[in-house]
Amino acid sequence: MTLKELFALYDRPAPATPVSGVSHDSRRVGPGYVFVALPGRRYDGHRFVGEALARGAAAVVGARELELPVPYLRLPEEELRPALARLAAAFYGRPSARLWVAGVTGTDGKTTTTFILHHLLRQAGLAAGMAGTVGYDLGEGLAFPEGHFTTPEAPDVQELLAAMVAGGLSHAVLEASSHALAQHRLDEVAFDLAVWTHLSPEHLDFHGDMEGYFRAKAGLVERAPLAVLNTACPYAMRLAGRPHLSYGPGGDFELVRVSEEAGGLAIAFRSPEGRHEARLPMLGLYNAENALAALAAASAAGVAVERAAAALGSFAGVPGRMQIIQTEPFRVVVDFAHTPRGLAAALAALRPTTRGRLIVVIGSAGERDPGKRAPLGRTALEGADLAVFTEEDSRSEPTAAILAGIEQGARQAGGRAGKNYWLEPDRARALALAFELAGPGDTVLLAGKGHERTLERAGETIPWNEAELARRLLRLE
């Protein structure tokens, strides 16, 4: 790929200089790169053009009036993010055109649905890759990325897809976050299928309101030739005029019976191919819905429903999603639940199999949707017997201020500090406190961090592994 070829996408002349990469991050620029100077909420990429040039950038794309010693493609500011995706896709040879690609979107359930669908495709003999919140699989097992992004930036998406093609894969399953869709990170991915779990209030600080949130996610369904839609989600049904398979009450795929057992869920469901029974080794009745979405998606990929149903029994689960750390003398479970709805579902899933009290450790992220903090506190007190409120990536916000918002909701639910909830700003000490409070037969849910490998505080990002920390505090390792 040459600079001349890339600039030709915008009918601009450029020399036939070999291009070695495309990036919006000046720290990742190397000799021969095209640097795209994105304006951001906190930083303006134009401030880092000098650094990119010092690292060997062969060209720059931006929106400001600049005099540079390398070719410069100037575009309107609103076209810079689409340009990043377009240039990256061209550089990597538009790999999604050589894959069958499913995108999974929704407020909760994206990761589990993505993992189950990936598993079903693999068990059907299809060479499938995956990328999302927990990590990515290029055909050689799960790898963990840096950061907390559900969907990486456009150059990373295209690089992952290109690696899947180079590795001989034929299918890919991608989590598609609302941020990624709104910020054009997935613009140049040719989706064959869109899977919609459900929509509930989240990220409204970014999208403005529920309609803005819906429109961001609806873009995925509107781009794909086929969708899998949840009949229980009114927002999904607004898109039912497009070609789709449905799942949920009255849908093409419908649950007939779900029961919880010691080893997971026993499921009976109907599909266009008949009635089926399956076992899913996961906690939480809501995971039956995620499995149903994945079954419908696998069917859209050409997998026989009976074969997919049988494959559910060998699903190994999702790291940080209802991950059991110990069962006795009290049970400890790590889960990523970080929204009021997700937390309520996790607590409801654990309550029937908890002999004693249900204890939850939960926080709320800084610089993210402050409107969910009080509902989280209220949900914690309504669904659990005891709660410990703590940090969860406070970033530049004071942890005390975040906890005050959560505590407001706890008090609304009748909570009293020191009686049925505690405030502990340090997350490690919060876990230790929860374990001190727990007795035989209790369940402790460590919610909010799940699989994540870092904890973000003001001015620092520290390594974090909730499951490993819990094992150390419990002296299990």
Foldseek 3Di string as FASTA:
>chain_A
DAPQVLCVVVPDGFDRHAADEEECDLVPAAARYEHEFACDPVDTRVVCPVSNVVRHYQEYEEADDDDDPHHYHHDHNVCRLLSSLVSLCVVLVVLLVQAAEEEEEEDPLLVLLQLLLQLLCVLLVAQEKEQFQLAIGLRPDGDGDADRGGDDAQNVVSVSSSSSVVVVGHYYYGYDYLVCQVSVSCVSRQHQEYEYQEYDDWQCVPQVDRVSSLVSNVVVVVRHQEYEFEPVHPSRVVVVVGHYFYEDVPTQKYWDDWDADPQAIWTWIAHPVGIEIAGARAFFPCVVSSLSSSLRVSVVVVRDSRSSRHSNVPRPDDFQCQQWLDPPQHTEGGHQQAALVSLLRVLVRCVVQFPDWEEEEYFHAAPTDLVRQLSNLLSRVVRGQAYEYEYAHPEQHDRVVRVVSNVNNVVVNVDDDPPRYHYDHDVLVSLLVRVVPDDGRYYYYYYNCGSHQWHHDYPDIHGDDPSVSNCVSVVVD
